[in-house]
Amino acid sequence: MFKVRRTQETVNKTLRFPKNLIEKMSIIAQNENVSLNSFVIQCCEYAIDNMQQNKDDNNKPC
């Protein structure tokens, strides 16, 4: 399950997101009392971790 947490050291990068997605993420981050940056990082980590798990599962013999 996805659980919002605070993050540590970061590096500055510029990314572009659709306006409606930023608005949704901003509301969630505010409700969870974390920065938008922290929330986006956690979403990306969650997606990558689950993508790798799915790839590993697809490579297992049936």
N, C-alpha and C. Protein backbone atom coordinates (compact mmCIF):
# COMPACT_ATOMS: atom_id res chain seq x y z
N MET A 1 0.84 -1.17 0.00
CA MET A 1 0.00 0.00 0.00
C MET A 1 0.89 1.24 0.00
N PHE A 2 0.46 2.27 -0.71
CA PHE A 2 1.20 3.53 -0.79
C PHE A 2 0.99 4.32 0.48
N LYS A 3 2.09 4.70 1.13
CA LYS A 3 2.04 5.48 2.36
C LYS A 3 2.94 6.70 2.19
N VAL A 4 2.40 7.89 2.41
CA VAL A 4 3.14 9.13 2.24
C VAL A 4 4.13 9.29 3.39
N ARG A 5 5.38 9.65 3.07
CA ARG A 5 6.41 9.88 4.07
C ARG A 5 7.23 11.10 3.66
N ARG A 6 8.04 11.57 4.55
CA ARG A 6 8.93 12.70 4.25
C ARG A 6 10.22 12.18 3.61
N THR A 7 10.84 13.00 2.75
CA THR A 7 12.05 12.57 2.05
C THR A 7 13.28 13.30 2.58
N GLN A 8 14.45 12.92 2.06
CA GLN A 8 15.71 13.52 2.51
C GLN A 8 16.31 14.40 1.42
N GLU A 9 17.59 14.26 1.13
CA GLU A 9 18.31 15.10 0.18
C GLU A 9 17.74 14.98 -1.23
N THR A 10 17.69 16.10 -1.96
CA THR A 10 17.17 16.10 -3.33
C THR A 10 18.10 16.86 -4.27
N VAL A 11 17.88 16.70 -5.57
CA VAL A 11 18.60 17.42 -6.61
C VAL A 11 17.57 18.20 -7.42
N ASN A 12 17.91 19.41 -7.82
CA ASN A 12 16.98 20.26 -8.55
C ASN A 12 16.93 19.87 -10.03
N LYS A 13 15.72 19.58 -10.55
CA LYS A 13 15.48 19.28 -11.97
C LYS A 13 14.18 19.98 -12.38
N THR A 14 14.05 20.26 -13.65
CA THR A 14 12.82 20.86 -14.17
C THR A 14 12.05 19.80 -14.94
N LEU A 15 10.80 19.59 -14.55
CA LEU A 15 9.91 18.63 -15.22
C LEU A 15 8.61 19.34 -15.56
N ARG A 16 7.91 18.86 -16.56
CA ARG A 16 6.63 19.45 -16.94
C ARG A 16 5.52 18.42 -16.73
N PHE A 17 4.46 18.85 -16.06
CA PHE A 17 3.31 18.00 -15.79
C PHE A 17 2.05 18.69 -16.31
N PRO A 18 1.04 17.93 -16.70
CA PRO A 18 -0.24 18.55 -17.07
C PRO A 18 -0.81 19.31 -15.87
N LYS A 19 -1.44 20.44 -16.15
CA LYS A 19 -1.97 21.30 -15.10
C LYS A 19 -2.94 20.56 -14.18
N ASN A 20 -3.83 19.75 -14.74
CA ASN A 20 -4.81 19.06 -13.90
C ASN A 20 -4.16 18.04 -12.97
N LEU A 21 -3.05 17.43 -13.41
CA LEU A 21 -2.34 16.48 -12.56
C LEU A 21 -1.66 17.21 -11.40
N ILE A 22 -1.05 18.36 -11.70
CA ILE A 22 -0.43 19.16 -10.64
C ILE A 22 -1.47 19.58 -9.61
N GLU A 23 -2.63 19.97 -10.06
CA GLU A 23 -3.69 20.39 -9.14
C GLU A 23 -4.11 19.23 -8.22
N LYS A 24 -4.29 18.04 -8.79
CA LYS A 24 -4.66 16.87 -7.99
C LYS A 24 -3.57 16.52 -6.98
N MET A 25 -2.32 16.51 -7.46
CA MET A 25 -1.22 16.16 -6.57
C MET A 25 -1.03 17.19 -5.47
N SER A 26 -1.23 18.46 -5.80
CA SER A 26 -1.10 19.53 -4.80
C SER A 26 -2.12 19.36 -3.67
N ILE A 27 -3.34 19.01 -4.03
CA ILE A 27 -4.38 18.80 -3.02
C ILE A 27 -4.02 17.64 -2.11
N ILE A 28 -3.58 16.54 -2.69
CA ILE A 28 -3.21 15.36 -1.89
C ILE A 28 -2.03 15.69 -0.99
N ALA A 29 -1.01 16.34 -1.53
CA ALA A 29 0.17 16.69 -0.73
C ALA A 29 -0.23 17.59 0.44
N GLN A 30 -1.07 18.56 0.18
CA GLN A 30 -1.52 19.47 1.24
C GLN A 30 -2.29 18.70 2.31
N ASN A 31 -3.17 17.81 1.88
CA ASN A 31 -3.94 17.00 2.83
C ASN A 31 -3.07 16.08 3.67
N GLU A 32 -1.95 15.63 3.10
CA GLU A 32 -1.03 14.74 3.81
C GLU A 32 0.06 15.51 4.56
N ASN A 33 0.03 16.83 4.45
CA ASN A 33 0.99 17.69 5.15
C ASN A 33 2.44 17.43 4.73
N VAL A 34 2.65 17.23 3.42
CA VAL A 34 3.99 17.10 2.85
C VAL A 34 4.08 18.06 1.66
N SER A 35 5.30 18.35 1.24
CA SER A 35 5.47 19.23 0.08
C SER A 35 5.06 18.48 -1.19
N LEU A 36 4.73 19.25 -2.21
CA LEU A 36 4.41 18.65 -3.50
C LEU A 36 5.61 17.88 -4.02
N ASN A 37 6.79 18.43 -3.84
CA ASN A 37 8.02 17.77 -4.27
C ASN A 37 8.17 16.39 -3.62
N SER A 38 7.98 16.34 -2.32
CA SER A 38 8.09 15.08 -1.60
C SER A 38 7.06 14.06 -2.10
N PHE A 39 5.87 14.53 -2.34
CA PHE A 39 4.81 13.64 -2.82
C PHE A 39 5.14 13.08 -4.20
N VAL A 40 5.63 13.92 -5.10
CA VAL A 40 5.98 13.48 -6.46
C VAL A 40 7.10 12.45 -6.41
N ILE A 41 8.11 12.69 -5.58
CA ILE A 41 9.21 11.74 -5.43
C ILE A 41 8.68 10.38 -4.98
N GLN A 42 7.80 10.39 -3.99
CA GLN A 42 7.27 9.13 -3.47
C GLN A 42 6.42 8.41 -4.52
N CYS A 43 5.66 9.16 -5.31
CA CYS A 43 4.87 8.55 -6.38
C CYS A 43 5.78 7.88 -7.41
N CYS A 44 6.85 8.57 -7.77
CA CYS A 44 7.80 8.01 -8.75
C CYS A 44 8.49 6.76 -8.21
N GLU A 45 8.92 6.81 -6.94
CA GLU A 45 9.56 5.64 -6.33
C GLU A 45 8.60 4.45 -6.30
N TYR A 46 7.36 4.71 -5.94
CA TYR A 46 6.35 3.66 -5.88
C TYR A 46 6.13 3.04 -7.26
N ALA A 47 6.03 3.89 -8.28
CA ALA A 47 5.81 3.40 -9.64
C ALA A 47 7.00 2.57 -10.11
N ILE A 48 8.21 3.03 -9.86
CA ILE A 48 9.41 2.30 -10.27
C ILE A 48 9.51 0.96 -9.54
N ASP A 49 9.29 0.97 -8.24
CA ASP A 49 9.35 -0.27 -7.47
C ASP A 49 8.34 -1.29 -7.97
N ASN A 50 7.15 -0.86 -8.28
CA ASN A 50 6.12 -1.77 -8.76
C ASN A 50 6.36 -2.20 -10.19
N MET A 51 6.94 -1.34 -11.00
CA MET A 51 7.27 -1.70 -12.37
C MET A 51 8.32 -2.81 -12.35
N GLN A 52 9.33 -2.70 -11.49
CA GLN A 52 10.37 -3.70 -11.40
C GLN A 52 9.80 -5.02 -10.89
N GLN A 53 8.89 -4.97 -9.93
CA GLN A 53 8.27 -6.18 -9.42
C GLN A 53 7.48 -6.87 -10.52
N ASN A 54 6.76 -6.10 -11.33
CA ASN A 54 5.99 -6.67 -12.41
C ASN A 54 6.90 -7.30 -13.45
N LYS A 55 8.04 -6.67 -13.76
CA LYS A 55 8.99 -7.25 -14.71
C LYS A 55 9.55 -8.55 -14.15
N ASP A 56 9.88 -8.57 -12.86
CA ASP A 56 10.41 -9.79 -12.24
C ASP A 56 9.37 -10.90 -12.28
N ASP A 57 8.11 -10.58 -12.02
CA ASP A 57 7.04 -11.57 -12.05
C ASP A 57 6.86 -12.13 -13.46
N ASN A 58 7.00 -11.29 -14.48
CA ASN A 58 6.83 -11.73 -15.87
C ASN A 58 7.95 -12.65 -16.32
N ASN A 59 9.12 -12.57 -15.68
CA ASN A 59 10.26 -13.40 -16.05
C ASN A 59 10.29 -14.74 -15.32
N LYS A 60 9.41 -14.91 -14.35
CA LYS A 60 9.37 -16.17 -13.60
C LYS A 60 8.68 -17.25 -14.45
N PRO A 61 9.19 -18.49 -14.37
CA PRO A 61 8.50 -19.57 -15.08
C PRO A 61 7.15 -19.86 -14.46
N CYS A 62 6.20 -20.24 -15.29
CA CYS A 62 4.85 -20.54 -14.79
C CYS A 62 4.76 -21.87 -14.10
